[in-house]
Amino acid sequence: MSEAPGKLRLGALVALVVGSMIGGGIFSLPQNMAASADVGAILIGWAITAVGMLTLAFVFQTLANRKPDLDGGVYAYAKAGFGDYMGFSSAWGYWISAWLGNVGYFVLLFSTLGYFFPVFGEGNTVAAVIGASVLLWAVHLLVLRGIKEAAFINLVTTVAKIVPLVLFILIAVFAFKLDIFTADIWGLKNPDLGSVMNQVRNMMLVTVWVFIGIEGASIFSARAEKRSDVGKATVIGFVTVLLILVLVNVLSLGILTQPELAKLQNPSMAAVLEHVVGQWGAVLISVGLVISLLGALLSWVLLCAEIMFAAAKDHTMPAFLRKENANQVPVNALWLTNAMVQIFLVITLFSASTYLSLIYLATSMILVPYLWSAAYAFLLAVRGESYEGAPGERQKDLIIGAIALIYAIWLLYAGGTKYLLLSALLYAPGAILFAKAKMEINKPVFTNVEKLIFAAVVVGALVAAYGLYDGFLTL
């Protein structure tokens, strides 16, 4: 079969999943995890994450196969299962999470370049913002040339950034010392970490952040050469990234102790390798991080534009977001996305926002889309919809859907009230676009149930706004 023009093959889809998951998070993982947990809690947390995220990967695989008519991934699943406003909220939350993550990536990228060029400081100086802005619009112009061309470049950068990670793992295996790893397994010498349960809970947003992108292939399902490749790409990408993440994190804990790791500056992986082999190790990881972030930025710009375009195609977002250029790129969605990134880059000049605070907020915004996807898969299995003549598969998917749903609810709990309220503050204004889309097709904006849900979101947003004003909530 000849390749359909403009369609994405399995390799490109896997690269989109791996490329969007391996961004900046893995390079800061040793410090980020050690800041809130010690060895024992970290191992428990990874076990929970592995099971939870694997079931989410299976959820996206199952939904891609059983609902091949639904394009747009997390957005389409929420809408099909729970109505227009839930679908819109998933698209809106996912979109905000994606471009907020890109702002965080720019800050980390120029903070890393600050290792070589002090003028960039911590990534939020005037020079850093100017540099980030130039790069942002260069990526914008690249994506305008076509989704498939951008996806090919993403494939190349994904391969390039895997190399320093594999080298780090190989060196760390030989540098690993069991006595350092087992020195204080449960963090008893550091009472500030709290109980093991608290340690596990506190590390959860970091583990979710490094796995965001697991749904990347499903977002591009309409552009896949074969629908069956969407599910394969999701699982292959997940297993590959899980293995790399766990090895990087666990091996680091056998090179430096938890208190030493917690004090490192990010990207902390550079400092760990520098401790083993000297300065060239820090340079290697810094270069790898720059390549990794450039690839991840490209992946997330593609995902941002695609989710808004998919929602606009069936009138859940306003019609102006459906516009494509001659290369079939959703131009208005792309312009809106990168305009928001540009605005927030400027805000970093006047705000104390750090890489970590940006990624925590970005992670909290994606928890609701993940929750609705898991709930929809569970709902399909409960109803038996699309399982005619396959009772064994239904039973298996019922269990997987239930575990994924429990995990998604646990993540909301682990994120805490602060990020739930801040998320509400970002979700509430989206209703303006939802209302515009509904008015364009002469339909009522909300159903009665949706009015109650929106009212709850508004209350949460008002509490968050007051909290920021009063100071009991901070970004």
Protein backbone atom coordinates (compact mmCIF):
# COMPACT_ATOMS: atom_id res chain seq x y z
CA MET A 1 0.00 0.00 0.00
CA SER A 2 1.43 3.38 -0.92
CA GLU A 3 1.64 5.94 1.86
CA ALA A 4 -1.27 8.36 1.96
CA PRO A 5 -0.09 11.92 1.37
CA GLY A 6 0.47 13.84 4.60
CA LYS A 7 -0.20 10.80 6.81
CA LEU A 8 1.95 9.73 9.78
CA ARG A 9 3.49 6.25 9.98
CA LEU A 10 4.14 4.23 13.15
CA GLY A 11 7.69 5.57 13.59
CA ALA A 12 6.53 9.18 13.43
CA LEU A 13 3.69 8.47 15.89
CA VAL A 14 6.06 6.75 18.36
CA ALA A 15 8.44 9.72 18.04
CA LEU A 16 5.56 12.10 18.82
CA VAL A 17 4.77 10.13 21.99
CA VAL A 18 8.41 9.75 23.11
CA GLY A 19 9.32 13.25 21.93
CA SER A 20 6.53 14.91 23.86
CA MET A 21 7.16 12.84 27.02
CA ILE A 22 10.96 13.25 27.05
CA GLY A 23 11.31 17.00 27.25
CA GLY A 24 12.95 18.80 30.15
CA GLY A 25 11.48 16.79 33.01
CA ILE A 26 13.84 13.82 32.83
CA PHE A 27 16.93 16.07 32.97
CA SER A 28 15.72 17.57 36.27
CA LEU A 29 14.30 14.31 37.63
CA PRO A 30 17.02 13.44 40.21
CA GLN A 31 16.56 16.73 42.11
CA ASN A 32 12.79 17.03 41.58
CA MET A 33 12.15 13.59 43.09
CA ALA A 34 14.72 13.86 45.90
CA ALA A 35 13.22 17.21 46.97
CA SER A 36 10.10 15.44 48.22
CA ALA A 37 10.96 11.76 48.80
CA ASP A 38 13.71 9.26 49.64
CA VAL A 39 14.51 5.89 48.05
CA GLY A 40 11.70 3.77 49.50
CA ALA A 41 8.92 6.25 48.77
CA ILE A 42 10.35 6.91 45.30
CA LEU A 43 10.25 3.19 44.46
CA ILE A 44 6.65 2.93 45.74
CA GLY A 45 5.73 6.05 43.76
CA TRP A 46 7.21 4.66 40.55
CA ALA A 47 5.35 1.37 41.08
CA ILE A 48 2.03 3.27 41.45
CA THR A 49 2.88 5.47 38.46
CA ALA A 50 3.91 2.51 36.30
CA VAL A 51 0.63 0.69 36.94
CA GLY A 52 -1.51 3.83 36.68
CA MET A 53 0.14 5.21 33.56
CA LEU A 54 0.25 1.78 31.92
CA THR A 55 -3.50 1.47 32.37
CA LEU A 56 -3.90 4.97 30.91
CA ALA A 57 -1.74 3.89 27.94
CA PHE A 58 -4.02 0.85 27.50
CA VAL A 59 -7.06 3.15 27.80
CA PHE A 60 -5.82 5.26 24.89
CA GLN A 61 -4.96 2.11 22.93
CA THR A 62 -8.40 0.59 23.58
CA LEU A 63 -10.28 3.77 22.72
CA ALA A 64 -8.27 4.25 19.51
CA ASN A 65 -9.23 0.72 18.41
CA ARG A 66 -12.83 0.60 19.66
CA LYS A 67 -13.81 4.15 18.71
CA PRO A 68 -11.89 4.75 15.46
CA ASP A 69 -14.46 7.38 14.44
CA LEU A 70 -13.38 9.68 17.32
CA ASP A 71 -10.54 11.98 16.31
CA GLY A 72 -8.75 14.25 18.77
CA GLY A 73 -7.99 11.92 21.68
CA VAL A 74 -8.74 13.26 25.17
CA TYR A 75 -11.12 15.90 23.83
CA ALA A 76 -13.23 13.53 21.73
CA TYR A 77 -13.50 10.89 24.47
CA ALA A 78 -14.73 13.37 27.08
CA LYS A 79 -17.32 14.77 24.67
CA ALA A 80 -18.60 11.38 23.54
CA GLY A 81 -18.97 10.14 27.10
CA PHE A 82 -20.04 13.19 29.08
CA GLY A 83 -21.34 15.90 26.78
CA ASP A 84 -20.20 19.03 24.97
CA TYR A 85 -19.03 21.09 27.96
CA MET A 86 -16.91 18.24 29.35
CA GLY A 87 -15.44 17.76 25.89
CA PHE A 88 -14.73 21.47 25.62
CA SER A 89 -13.19 21.54 29.12
CA SER A 90 -10.89 18.65 28.23
CA ALA A 91 -9.72 20.38 25.06
CA TRP A 92 -9.33 23.70 26.89
CA GLY A 93 -7.48 22.19 29.85
CA TYR A 94 -5.22 20.13 27.61
CA TRP A 95 -4.44 23.17 25.46
CA ILE A 96 -3.56 25.36 28.47
CA SER A 97 -1.45 22.57 29.96
CA ALA A 98 0.46 22.20 26.70
CA TRP A 99 1.32 25.84 26.13
CA LEU A 100 2.07 26.46 29.83
CA GLY A 101 4.45 23.53 29.62
CA ASN A 102 6.09 25.19 26.62
CA VAL A 103 6.64 28.38 28.65
CA GLY A 104 8.31 26.19 31.30
CA TYR A 105 10.45 24.56 28.61
CA PHE A 106 11.64 27.95 27.34
CA VAL A 107 12.59 29.00 30.88
CA LEU A 108 14.53 25.76 31.44
CA LEU A 109 16.15 25.92 27.99
CA PHE A 110 17.59 29.39 28.51
CA SER A 111 18.46 28.61 32.13
CA THR A 112 20.57 25.73 30.73
CA LEU A 113 22.14 28.03 28.14
CA GLY A 114 22.95 30.29 31.09
CA TYR A 115 25.56 27.63 32.04
CA PHE A 116 27.49 28.74 28.93
CA PHE A 117 26.19 32.33 28.59
CA PRO A 118 25.58 34.04 31.97
CA VAL A 119 23.46 36.77 30.31
CA PHE A 120 20.56 34.27 30.20
CA GLY A 121 20.63 33.82 34.01
CA GLU A 122 17.86 31.53 35.28
CA GLY A 123 15.93 31.73 32.00
CA ASN A 124 13.79 34.73 32.92
CA THR A 125 16.11 37.66 32.14
CA VAL A 126 15.45 40.17 29.34
CA ALA A 127 18.04 38.44 27.12
CA ALA A 128 16.46 35.03 27.81
CA VAL A 129 12.95 36.25 26.98
CA ILE A 130 14.17 37.86 23.74
CA GLY A 131 16.00 34.64 22.80
CA ALA A 132 12.97 32.51 23.69
CA SER A 133 10.70 34.77 21.62
CA VAL A 134 12.92 34.47 18.54
CA LEU A 135 12.98 30.68 18.93
CA LEU A 136 9.22 30.53 19.51
CA TRP A 137 8.42 32.24 16.21
CA ALA A 138 11.07 30.20 14.36
CA VAL A 139 9.25 27.03 15.51
CA HIS A 140 5.96 28.69 14.49
CA LEU A 141 7.25 29.23 10.93
CA LEU A 142 8.53 25.65 10.79
CA VAL A 143 5.15 24.20 11.78
CA LEU A 144 3.41 26.41 9.20
CA ARG A 145 5.29 24.45 6.53
CA GLY A 146 3.35 21.31 7.36
CA ILE A 147 2.51 18.81 10.12
CA LYS A 148 4.30 15.91 8.45
CA GLU A 149 7.52 17.87 7.85
CA ALA A 150 7.56 19.06 11.47
CA ALA A 151 6.88 15.48 12.64
CA PHE A 152 9.91 14.25 10.66
CA ILE A 153 12.18 16.83 12.33
CA ASN A 154 10.71 15.73 15.67
CA LEU A 155 11.68 12.13 14.81
CA VAL A 156 15.30 13.22 14.21
CA THR A 157 15.54 15.23 17.46
CA THR A 158 13.94 12.36 19.42
CA VAL A 159 16.68 9.97 18.26
CA ALA A 160 19.37 12.61 18.97
CA LYS A 161 18.26 13.26 22.54
CA ILE A 162 18.05 9.56 23.47
CA VAL A 163 21.83 9.18 22.97
CA PRO A 164 23.05 11.25 26.00
CA LEU A 165 20.37 9.63 28.17
CA VAL A 166 21.58 6.12 27.27
CA LEU A 167 25.19 7.22 27.89
CA PHE A 168 24.21 8.61 31.32
CA ILE A 169 22.55 5.30 32.24
CA LEU A 170 25.58 3.24 31.15
CA ILE A 171 28.01 5.41 33.16
CA ALA A 172 25.65 5.50 36.17
CA VAL A 173 25.42 1.68 36.25
CA PHE A 174 29.19 1.48 36.89
CA ALA A 175 29.19 4.44 39.33
CA PHE A 176 26.23 3.10 41.36
CA LYS A 177 27.01 2.31 45.03
CA LEU A 178 24.63 0.17 47.05
CA ASP A 179 25.68 1.67 50.40
CA ILE A 180 24.66 5.17 49.21
CA PHE A 181 21.39 3.80 47.82
CA THR A 182 20.46 2.05 51.10
CA ALA A 183 21.81 4.73 53.51
CA ASP A 184 18.37 6.05 54.53
CA ILE A 185 15.74 4.20 52.49
CA TRP A 186 12.65 5.66 54.23
CA GLY A 187 14.00 9.17 54.84
CA LEU A 188 14.00 8.76 58.62
CA LYS A 189 17.01 11.08 58.98
CA ASN A 190 15.12 13.90 57.25
CA PRO A 191 11.87 14.57 59.17
CA ASP A 192 10.99 17.44 56.79
CA LEU A 193 10.04 14.81 54.18
CA GLY A 194 7.18 13.58 56.38
CA SER A 195 5.68 10.11 56.37
CA VAL A 196 6.22 7.66 53.52
CA MET A 197 2.62 8.28 52.40
CA ASN A 198 3.25 12.04 52.29
CA GLN A 199 6.47 11.48 50.35
CA VAL A 200 4.65 9.35 47.77
CA ARG A 201 1.87 11.91 47.44
CA ASN A 202 4.27 14.84 47.11
CA MET A 203 6.23 13.25 44.26
CA MET A 204 3.14 12.43 42.20
CA LEU A 205 2.88 15.68 40.20
CA VAL A 206 6.49 15.22 39.10
CA THR A 207 5.83 11.68 37.86
CA VAL A 208 2.73 12.82 35.96
CA TRP A 209 4.67 15.72 34.41
CA VAL A 210 7.34 13.43 32.95
CA PHE A 211 4.63 11.21 31.41
CA ILE A 212 2.48 13.95 29.89
CA GLY A 213 2.47 13.22 26.17
CA ILE A 214 1.40 9.60 26.56
CA GLU A 215 -1.78 10.57 24.67
CA GLY A 216 0.21 12.24 21.85
CA ALA A 217 -0.53 9.62 19.19
CA SER A 218 -4.27 9.65 19.94
CA ILE A 219 -4.41 13.42 19.42
CA PHE A 220 -3.10 12.85 15.88
CA SER A 221 -5.32 9.82 15.19
CA ALA A 222 -6.96 11.52 12.20
CA ARG A 223 -3.54 11.96 10.57
CA ALA A 224 -2.30 8.39 11.17
CA GLU A 225 -1.68 6.21 8.09
CA LYS A 226 -3.16 3.23 9.98
CA ARG A 227 -5.57 3.60 12.91
CA SER A 228 -4.11 0.48 14.56
CA ASP A 229 -0.72 2.27 14.77
CA VAL A 230 -2.15 4.80 17.25
CA GLY A 231 -2.51 2.23 20.03
CA LYS A 232 0.81 0.55 19.21
CA ALA A 233 2.66 3.89 19.30
CA THR A 234 1.12 4.75 22.69
CA VAL A 235 2.24 1.50 24.38
CA ILE A 236 5.69 1.37 22.71
CA GLY A 237 6.33 5.00 23.66
CA PHE A 238 5.19 4.46 27.25
CA VAL A 239 7.34 1.37 27.90
CA THR A 240 10.42 3.03 26.36
CA VAL A 241 10.06 6.21 28.43
CA LEU A 242 9.20 4.38 31.68
CA LEU A 243 12.37 2.30 31.44
CA ILE A 244 14.57 5.38 30.82
CA LEU A 245 12.92 7.45 33.60
CA VAL A 246 13.19 4.78 36.30
CA LEU A 247 16.81 3.99 35.44
CA VAL A 248 17.83 7.67 35.50
CA ASN A 249 16.09 8.27 38.84
CA VAL A 250 17.07 5.08 40.67
CA LEU A 251 20.70 5.06 39.50
CA SER A 252 21.15 8.69 40.61
CA LEU A 253 20.10 7.66 44.14
CA GLY A 254 23.11 5.33 44.22
CA ILE A 255 25.55 8.07 43.21
CA LEU A 256 24.51 10.92 45.53
CA THR A 257 22.39 10.76 48.71
CA GLN A 258 18.85 12.17 48.84
CA PRO A 259 19.90 15.40 50.69
CA GLU A 260 22.72 15.95 48.17
CA LEU A 261 20.41 15.43 45.20
CA ALA A 262 17.74 17.70 46.71
CA LYS A 263 20.22 20.61 46.85
CA LEU A 264 21.32 20.36 43.20
CA GLN A 265 20.54 23.05 40.66
CA ASN A 266 18.59 21.98 37.59
CA PRO A 267 19.20 20.34 35.20
CA SER A 268 20.31 18.09 38.07
CA MET A 269 21.25 15.16 35.81
CA ALA A 270 24.17 17.30 34.59
CA ALA A 271 25.45 17.72 38.15
CA VAL A 272 25.13 13.97 38.84
CA LEU A 273 27.18 13.08 35.76
CA GLU A 274 29.68 15.85 36.55
CA HIS A 275 30.16 14.25 39.99
CA VAL A 276 31.14 10.99 38.26
CA VAL A 277 33.19 12.04 35.23
CA GLY A 278 33.95 15.74 35.60
CA GLN A 279 32.88 18.86 33.70
CA TRP A 280 32.46 17.20 30.30
CA GLY A 281 29.58 15.22 31.78
CA ALA A 282 27.71 18.43 32.64
CA VAL A 283 28.36 19.80 29.14
CA LEU A 284 27.11 16.56 27.52
CA ILE A 285 23.85 16.58 29.49
CA SER A 286 23.34 20.31 28.90
CA VAL A 287 23.70 19.82 25.13
CA GLY A 288 21.35 16.82 25.31
CA LEU A 289 18.83 18.92 27.21
CA VAL A 290 18.94 21.69 24.61
CA ILE A 291 18.27 19.16 21.81
CA SER A 292 15.57 17.48 23.91
CA LEU A 293 13.76 20.73 24.67
CA LEU A 294 13.85 21.84 21.03
CA GLY A 295 12.24 18.55 20.00
CA ALA A 296 9.69 18.68 22.82
CA LEU A 297 8.76 22.28 21.98
CA LEU A 298 8.04 21.18 18.43
CA SER A 299 5.92 18.23 19.60
CA TRP A 300 3.88 20.40 21.97
CA VAL A 301 3.31 23.20 19.47
CA LEU A 302 1.89 20.54 17.12
CA LEU A 303 -0.29 19.07 19.88
CA CYS A 304 -1.56 22.50 20.99
CA ALA A 305 -2.74 23.46 17.52
CA GLU A 306 -4.20 20.02 16.77
CA ILE A 307 -6.40 19.81 19.90
CA MET A 308 -7.99 23.21 19.22
CA PHE A 309 -8.48 22.37 15.54
CA ALA A 310 -10.11 19.01 16.36
CA ALA A 311 -12.52 20.67 18.81
CA ALA A 312 -13.38 23.40 16.29
CA LYS A 313 -14.13 20.88 13.52
CA ASP A 314 -17.25 19.66 15.33
CA HIS A 315 -18.33 23.08 16.63
CA THR A 316 -17.15 22.72 20.25
CA MET A 317 -14.64 25.53 19.66
CA PRO A 318 -15.40 28.65 17.54
CA ALA A 319 -15.25 28.35 13.74
CA PHE A 320 -12.21 30.60 13.31
CA LEU A 321 -10.02 27.84 14.85
CA ARG A 322 -10.92 25.50 11.95
CA LYS A 323 -8.97 27.50 9.38
CA GLU A 324 -6.09 25.63 7.70
CA ASN A 325 -3.39 26.92 5.37
CA ALA A 326 -2.33 25.33 2.06
CA ASN A 327 -0.15 22.84 4.02
CA GLN A 328 -3.16 21.67 6.10
CA VAL A 329 -1.84 23.35 9.25
CA PRO A 330 -4.50 24.87 11.59
CA VAL A 331 -3.10 28.40 11.37
CA ASN A 332 -5.45 30.29 13.69
CA ALA A 333 -5.09 27.67 16.42
CA LEU A 334 -1.32 27.91 16.00
CA TRP A 335 -1.33 31.73 16.19
CA LEU A 336 -3.53 31.73 19.32
CA THR A 337 -1.30 29.13 21.02
CA ASN A 338 1.98 30.90 20.38
CA ALA A 339 0.51 34.31 21.22
CA MET A 340 -0.32 32.95 24.69
CA VAL A 341 3.19 31.52 25.06
CA GLN A 342 4.63 34.92 24.08
CA ILE A 343 2.47 36.76 26.64
CA PHE A 344 3.50 34.42 29.44
CA LEU A 345 7.17 34.64 28.46
CA VAL A 346 6.95 38.39 29.04
CA ILE A 347 5.13 37.77 32.36
CA THR A 348 8.13 35.69 33.57
CA LEU A 349 10.12 38.94 33.58
CA PHE A 350 7.86 40.39 36.27
CA SER A 351 6.95 37.20 38.12
CA ALA A 352 8.78 34.83 40.44
CA SER A 353 7.48 31.88 38.37
CA THR A 354 10.09 29.13 38.17
CA TYR A 355 10.29 26.07 35.97
CA LEU A 356 8.87 23.90 38.75
CA SER A 357 5.90 26.18 39.50
CA LEU A 358 5.02 26.33 35.79
CA ILE A 359 5.15 22.56 35.34
CA TYR A 360 3.08 21.90 38.48
CA LEU A 361 0.35 24.19 37.15
CA ALA A 362 0.61 22.66 33.66
CA THR A 363 0.31 19.17 35.18
CA SER A 364 -2.75 20.07 37.24
CA MET A 365 -4.52 21.31 34.09
CA ILE A 366 -4.16 17.94 32.36
CA LEU A 367 -5.52 15.82 35.22
CA VAL A 368 -9.17 16.47 34.27
CA PRO A 369 -8.73 15.39 30.60
CA TYR A 370 -7.02 12.20 31.81
CA LEU A 371 -9.87 11.58 34.27
CA TRP A 372 -12.57 11.85 31.58
CA SER A 373 -10.67 9.56 29.18
CA ALA A 374 -10.34 6.86 31.85
CA ALA A 375 -14.00 7.32 32.85
CA TYR A 376 -15.14 6.97 29.21
CA ALA A 377 -13.17 3.73 28.71
CA PHE A 378 -14.67 2.36 31.93
CA LEU A 379 -18.16 3.45 30.84
CA LEU A 380 -17.83 1.67 27.48
CA ALA A 381 -16.83 -1.57 29.21
CA VAL A 382 -19.68 -1.28 31.74
CA ARG A 383 -22.23 -0.76 28.97
CA GLY A 384 -20.65 -3.38 26.72
CA GLU A 385 -20.66 -0.83 23.90
CA SER A 386 -18.44 -1.99 20.97
CA TYR A 387 -17.79 -5.32 22.78
CA GLU A 388 -20.42 -7.39 20.99
CA GLY A 389 -19.15 -10.98 20.81
CA ALA A 390 -16.01 -10.24 22.88
CA PRO A 391 -16.90 -10.83 26.57
CA GLY A 392 -13.28 -11.69 27.51
CA GLU A 393 -11.97 -8.40 26.19
CA ARG A 394 -14.77 -6.53 27.91
CA GLN A 395 -13.85 -8.03 31.29
CA LYS A 396 -10.17 -7.17 30.79
CA ASP A 397 -10.92 -3.59 29.72
CA LEU A 398 -13.35 -3.16 32.63
CA ILE A 399 -10.51 -3.90 35.08
CA ILE A 400 -8.02 -1.70 33.20
CA GLY A 401 -10.55 1.15 32.98
CA ALA A 402 -11.34 0.89 36.70
CA ILE A 403 -7.64 1.02 37.69
CA ALA A 404 -7.01 3.98 35.35
CA LEU A 405 -10.02 5.81 36.80
CA ILE A 406 -8.90 5.21 40.41
CA TYR A 407 -5.41 6.41 39.47
CA ALA A 408 -6.79 9.59 37.84
CA ILE A 409 -8.85 10.36 40.98
CA TRP A 410 -5.77 9.69 43.15
CA LEU A 411 -3.80 12.20 41.06
CA LEU A 412 -6.39 14.92 41.73
CA TYR A 413 -6.05 14.18 45.46
CA ALA A 414 -2.23 14.12 45.27
CA GLY A 415 -2.18 17.45 43.43
CA GLY A 416 -3.94 19.07 46.37
CA THR A 417 -6.52 21.83 46.82
CA LYS A 418 -4.17 24.60 45.71
CA TYR A 419 -3.74 23.34 42.17
CA LEU A 420 -7.39 22.32 41.91
CA LEU A 421 -8.42 25.94 42.66
CA LEU A 422 -5.79 27.42 40.33
CA SER A 423 -7.03 25.07 37.61
CA ALA A 424 -10.59 26.33 38.12
CA LEU A 425 -9.30 29.88 37.65
CA LEU A 426 -7.91 28.89 34.24
CA TYR A 427 -10.89 26.73 33.24
CA ALA A 428 -13.58 29.37 33.93
CA PRO A 429 -12.70 31.95 31.20
CA GLY A 430 -12.84 29.22 28.55
CA ALA A 431 -16.63 29.33 28.71
CA ILE A 432 -16.47 32.46 26.52
CA LEU A 433 -15.17 30.43 23.57
CA PHE A 434 -17.62 27.61 24.35
CA ALA A 435 -20.53 30.06 24.33
CA LYS A 436 -19.35 31.57 21.04
CA ALA A 437 -19.17 28.12 19.42
CA LYS A 438 -22.70 27.27 20.61
CA MET A 439 -24.12 30.57 19.38
CA GLU A 440 -22.58 29.98 15.94
CA ILE A 441 -24.80 26.90 15.53
CA ASN A 442 -27.82 28.40 17.35
CA LYS A 443 -27.83 25.95 20.24
CA PRO A 444 -28.26 26.58 23.99
CA VAL A 445 -24.89 27.10 25.69
CA PHE A 446 -25.38 24.73 28.64
CA THR A 447 -27.63 21.84 29.56
CA ASN A 448 -29.06 21.91 33.10
CA VAL A 449 -26.35 19.56 34.40
CA GLU A 450 -23.63 21.60 32.66
CA LYS A 451 -24.94 24.77 34.33
CA LEU A 452 -24.31 23.18 37.74
CA ILE A 453 -20.82 22.05 36.71
CA PHE A 454 -19.96 25.50 35.35
CA ALA A 455 -21.28 27.12 38.55
CA ALA A 456 -18.92 24.92 40.59
CA VAL A 457 -16.00 25.93 38.33
CA VAL A 458 -16.87 29.63 38.77
CA VAL A 459 -17.01 29.27 42.57
CA GLY A 460 -13.59 27.56 42.53
CA ALA A 461 -12.22 30.33 40.28
CA LEU A 462 -13.52 33.08 42.61
CA VAL A 463 -11.95 31.37 45.63
CA ALA A 464 -8.65 31.07 43.73
CA ALA A 465 -8.75 34.73 42.65
CA TYR A 466 -9.38 35.83 46.23
CA GLY A 467 -6.65 33.47 47.44
CA LEU A 468 -4.10 35.04 45.07
CA TYR A 469 -5.21 38.52 46.16
CA ASP A 470 -5.15 37.68 49.86
CA GLY A 471 -1.93 35.67 49.64
CA PHE A 472 -3.11 32.29 50.90
CA LEU A 473 -2.61 30.96 47.35
CA THR A 474 0.56 31.53 45.34
CA LEU A 475 1.71 30.61 41.87
